[in-house]
Structure formats: structure tokens, C-alpha cells
């Protein structure tokens, strides 16, 4: 997300020009992956090999009906696996077939 200061200093054009400049500066970090965030967080906090974020919650709720239809075209899900390093529990939840589906991937 981009942080936007609510203070208005200058004209509208100056404000939106400054916001655009900030956007492009922040956008340069788009390739800084979540893995890099976790590694740097661990390094900064001297956590070595400890699980930094051992439990995660993955939600695909409130997806559009159209995206659900495309997902259903693939057929019935019979097997699934996710592998995320240093995660003890990945709690996943999504809507499928008119119901709520929940999956736990755990170590």
C-alpha cells in the first residue's frame, strides 16, 4: 500500500504531482518479495533459523462470481498442497461449490 499524507500544502497540481512522484518511488519496491521481507525481519531481530511467522491465514473470500466460475471449469479439486518455508500452519479458506471450504497445511 502507498502511504498518503492528508495534509495539503500547495495547489492541487503540486499535491497530485508529489503523490505521483511518491507512487513511482514506492513502486520501485514491487519486486521486493515476501520472502525477502521475512528474511530481513529475522535478520534485523536476530531470529536466526526460528520460524518468523509460523501461522498464516490465506483468504480467498469475497471473490467475484465470475472468478468462481472459471475456477469451477477446472473440475473438482481432489488433491492440493502448498509448501511455504518456515510456516507451521497455513489456514486457507475459500468459497467453492456454493459452500465454504477450509484447508490446513501444517508441518
C-alpha atoms as a PDB file:
ATOM      1  CA  UNK A   1       0.000   0.000   0.000  1.00  0.00           C
ATOM      2  CA  UNK A   2       1.003   3.552  -0.585  1.00  0.00           C
ATOM      3  CA  UNK A   3       1.021   5.948   2.342  1.00  0.00           C
ATOM      4  CA  UNK A   4      -0.650   9.248   1.534  1.00  0.00           C
ATOM      5  CA  UNK A   5      -0.332  12.236   3.806  1.00  0.00           C
ATOM      6  CA  UNK A   6      -3.675  14.030   4.199  1.00  0.00           C
ATOM      7  CA  UNK A   7      -2.017  17.422   4.633  1.00  0.00           C
ATOM      8  CA  UNK A   8      -2.460  19.668   1.610  1.00  0.00           C
ATOM      9  CA  UNK A   9       0.410  22.045   1.043  1.00  0.00           C
ATOM     10  CA  UNK A  10       0.317  23.954  -2.198  1.00  0.00           C
ATOM     11  CA  UNK A  11      -2.019  23.760  -5.135  1.00  0.00           C
ATOM     12  CA  UNK A  12      -3.935  20.706  -6.281  1.00  0.00           C
ATOM     13  CA  UNK A  13      -1.460  20.231  -9.132  1.00  0.00           C
ATOM     14  CA  UNK A  14       1.505  20.361  -6.736  1.00  0.00           C
ATOM     15  CA  UNK A  15      -0.186  17.840  -4.443  1.00  0.00           C
ATOM     16  CA  UNK A  16      -1.004  15.301  -7.160  1.00  0.00           C
ATOM     17  CA  UNK A  17       2.457  15.755  -8.702  1.00  0.00           C
ATOM     18  CA  UNK A  18       4.026  14.965  -5.314  1.00  0.00           C
ATOM     19  CA  UNK A  19       1.723  11.919  -4.939  1.00  0.00           C
ATOM     20  CA  UNK A  20       2.726  10.694  -8.374  1.00  0.00           C
ATOM     21  CA  UNK A  21       6.418  11.063  -7.514  1.00  0.00           C
ATOM     22  CA  UNK A  22       5.855   9.156  -4.258  1.00  0.00           C
ATOM     23  CA  UNK A  23       3.970   6.421  -6.127  1.00  0.00           C
ATOM     24  CA  UNK A  24       6.844   5.845  -8.557  1.00  0.00           C
ATOM     25  CA  UNK A  25       9.345   5.813  -5.692  1.00  0.00           C
ATOM     26  CA  UNK A  26       7.261   3.236  -3.770  1.00  0.00           C
ATOM     27  CA  UNK A  27       6.569   1.239  -6.938  1.00  0.00           C
ATOM     28  CA  UNK A  28      10.308   0.532  -7.240  1.00  0.00           C
ATOM     29  CA  UNK A  29       9.909  -1.916  -4.328  1.00  0.00           C
ATOM     30  CA  UNK A  30       7.311  -4.064  -6.115  1.00  0.00           C
ATOM     31  CA  UNK A  31       9.891  -6.780  -6.786  1.00  0.00           C
ATOM     32  CA  UNK A  32      10.916  -6.990  -3.118  1.00  0.00           C
ATOM     33  CA  UNK A  33       9.321 -10.343  -2.307  1.00  0.00           C
ATOM     34  CA  UNK A  34       7.623 -11.528   0.848  1.00  0.00           C
ATOM     35  CA  UNK A  35      10.500 -13.969   1.333  1.00  0.00           C
ATOM     36  CA  UNK A  36      12.895 -11.016   1.416  1.00  0.00           C
ATOM     37  CA  UNK A  37      10.671  -9.255   3.962  1.00  0.00           C
ATOM     38  CA  UNK A  38      10.709 -12.296   6.262  1.00  0.00           C
ATOM     39  CA  UNK A  39      14.479 -12.794   5.877  1.00  0.00           C
ATOM     40  CA  UNK A  40      15.222  -9.155   6.614  1.00  0.00           C
ATOM     41  CA  UNK A  41      12.809  -9.148   9.558  1.00  0.00           C
ATOM     42  CA  UNK A  42      14.538 -12.219  11.021  1.00  0.00           C
ATOM     43  CA  UNK A  43      17.987 -10.756  10.425  1.00  0.00           C
ATOM     44  CA  UNK A  44      17.013  -7.407  11.981  1.00  0.00           C
ATOM     45  CA  UNK A  45      15.573  -9.143  15.066  1.00  0.00           C
ATOM     46  CA  UNK A  46      18.385 -11.733  15.375  1.00  0.00           C
ATOM     47  CA  UNK A  47      15.979 -14.659  14.980  1.00  0.00           C
ATOM     48  CA  UNK A  48      18.419 -16.921  13.087  1.00  0.00           C
ATOM     49  CA  UNK A  49      16.530 -20.064  11.993  1.00  0.00           C
ATOM     50  CA  UNK A  50      13.376 -19.537  14.074  1.00  0.00           C
ATOM     51  CA  UNK A  51      10.033 -19.500  12.338  1.00  0.00           C
ATOM     52  CA  UNK A  52       9.290 -15.804  11.995  1.00  0.00           C
ATOM     53  CA  UNK A  53       5.631 -16.069  11.011  1.00  0.00           C
ATOM     54  CA  UNK A  54       4.701 -19.640  11.867  1.00  0.00           C
ATOM     55  CA  UNK A  55       0.933 -19.274  11.345  1.00  0.00           C
ATOM     56  CA  UNK A  56      -0.644 -17.608   8.320  1.00  0.00           C
ATOM     57  CA  UNK A  57      -4.232 -17.121   7.201  1.00  0.00           C
ATOM     58  CA  UNK A  58      -4.940 -17.200   3.477  1.00  0.00           C
ATOM     59  CA  UNK A  59      -8.391 -15.942   2.495  1.00  0.00           C
ATOM     60  CA  UNK A  60      -9.973 -16.069  -0.934  1.00  0.00           C
ATOM     61  CA  UNK A  61     -13.373 -14.984   0.336  1.00  0.00           C
ATOM     62  CA  UNK A  62     -15.413 -12.364  -1.487  1.00  0.00           C
ATOM     63  CA  UNK A  63     -14.053 -13.313  -4.872  1.00  0.00           C
ATOM     64  CA  UNK A  64     -16.295 -12.456  -7.789  1.00  0.00           C
ATOM     65  CA  UNK A  65     -18.812 -14.940  -9.147  1.00  0.00           C
ATOM     66  CA  UNK A  66     -17.009 -14.812 -12.481  1.00  0.00           C
ATOM     67  CA  UNK A  67     -13.713 -15.909 -10.945  1.00  0.00           C
ATOM     68  CA  UNK A  68     -15.522 -18.753  -9.176  1.00  0.00           C
ATOM     69  CA  UNK A  69     -16.984 -19.906 -12.492  1.00  0.00           C
ATOM     70  CA  UNK A  70     -13.524 -20.002 -14.063  1.00  0.00           C
ATOM     71  CA  UNK A  71     -12.215 -21.969 -11.089  1.00  0.00           C
ATOM     72  CA  UNK A  72     -15.067 -24.480 -11.416  1.00  0.00           C
ATOM     73  CA  UNK A  73     -14.223 -25.101 -15.086  1.00  0.00           C
ATOM     74  CA  UNK A  74     -11.087 -26.886 -13.909  1.00  0.00           C
ATOM     75  CA  UNK A  75     -13.177 -29.634 -12.324  1.00  0.00           C
ATOM     76  CA  UNK A  76     -13.413 -30.979  -8.800  1.00  0.00           C
ATOM     77  CA  UNK A  77     -10.430 -30.415  -6.531  1.00  0.00           C
ATOM     78  CA  UNK A  78      -9.241 -33.855  -5.421  1.00  0.00           C
ATOM     79  CA  UNK A  79      -5.792 -33.007  -4.082  1.00  0.00           C
ATOM     80  CA  UNK A  80      -3.949 -29.844  -3.194  1.00  0.00           C
ATOM     81  CA  UNK A  81      -0.745 -28.901  -1.456  1.00  0.00           C
ATOM     82  CA  UNK A  82       1.035 -25.687  -0.638  1.00  0.00           C
ATOM     83  CA  UNK A  83       4.582 -25.519   0.571  1.00  0.00           C
ATOM     84  CA  UNK A  84       5.698 -22.370   2.332  1.00  0.00           C
ATOM     85  CA  UNK A  85       9.081 -22.334   4.061  1.00  0.00           C
ATOM     86  CA  UNK A  86       9.124 -21.666   7.803  1.00  0.00           C
ATOM     87  CA  UNK A  87       5.334 -21.827   8.165  1.00  0.00           C
ATOM     88  CA  UNK A  88       3.937 -24.220  10.730  1.00  0.00           C
ATOM     89  CA  UNK A  89       0.274 -23.749   9.854  1.00  0.00           C
ATOM     90  CA  UNK A  90      -1.321 -22.252   6.745  1.00  0.00           C
ATOM     91  CA  UNK A  91      -5.059 -21.843   7.299  1.00  0.00           C
ATOM     92  CA  UNK A  92      -6.730 -21.417   3.892  1.00  0.00           C
ATOM     93  CA  UNK A  93     -10.376 -20.540   3.343  1.00  0.00           C
ATOM     94  CA  UNK A  94     -12.346 -20.046   0.133  1.00  0.00           C
ATOM     95  CA  UNK A  95     -15.780 -20.491  -1.401  1.00  0.00           C
ATOM     96  CA  UNK A  96     -16.429 -23.376  -3.798  1.00  0.00           C
ATOM     97  CA  UNK A  97     -19.499 -25.241  -4.948  1.00  0.00           C
ATOM     98  CA  UNK A  98     -21.809 -22.948  -3.010  1.00  0.00           C
ATOM     99  CA  UNK A  99     -20.068 -23.726   0.260  1.00  0.00           C
ATOM    100  CA  UNK A 100     -17.196 -22.665   2.445  1.00  0.00           C
ATOM    101  CA  UNK A 101     -14.002 -24.680   2.045  1.00  0.00           C
ATOM    102  CA  UNK A 102     -11.231 -24.712   4.636  1.00  0.00           C
ATOM    103  CA  UNK A 103      -7.830 -26.314   4.374  1.00  0.00           C
ATOM    104  CA  UNK A 104      -4.949 -26.546   6.831  1.00  0.00           C
ATOM    105  CA  UNK A 105      -1.449 -27.218   5.573  1.00  0.00           C
ATOM    106  CA  UNK A 106       0.777 -27.977   8.535  1.00  0.00           C
ATOM    107  CA  UNK A 107       4.207 -29.259   9.402  1.00  0.00           C
END
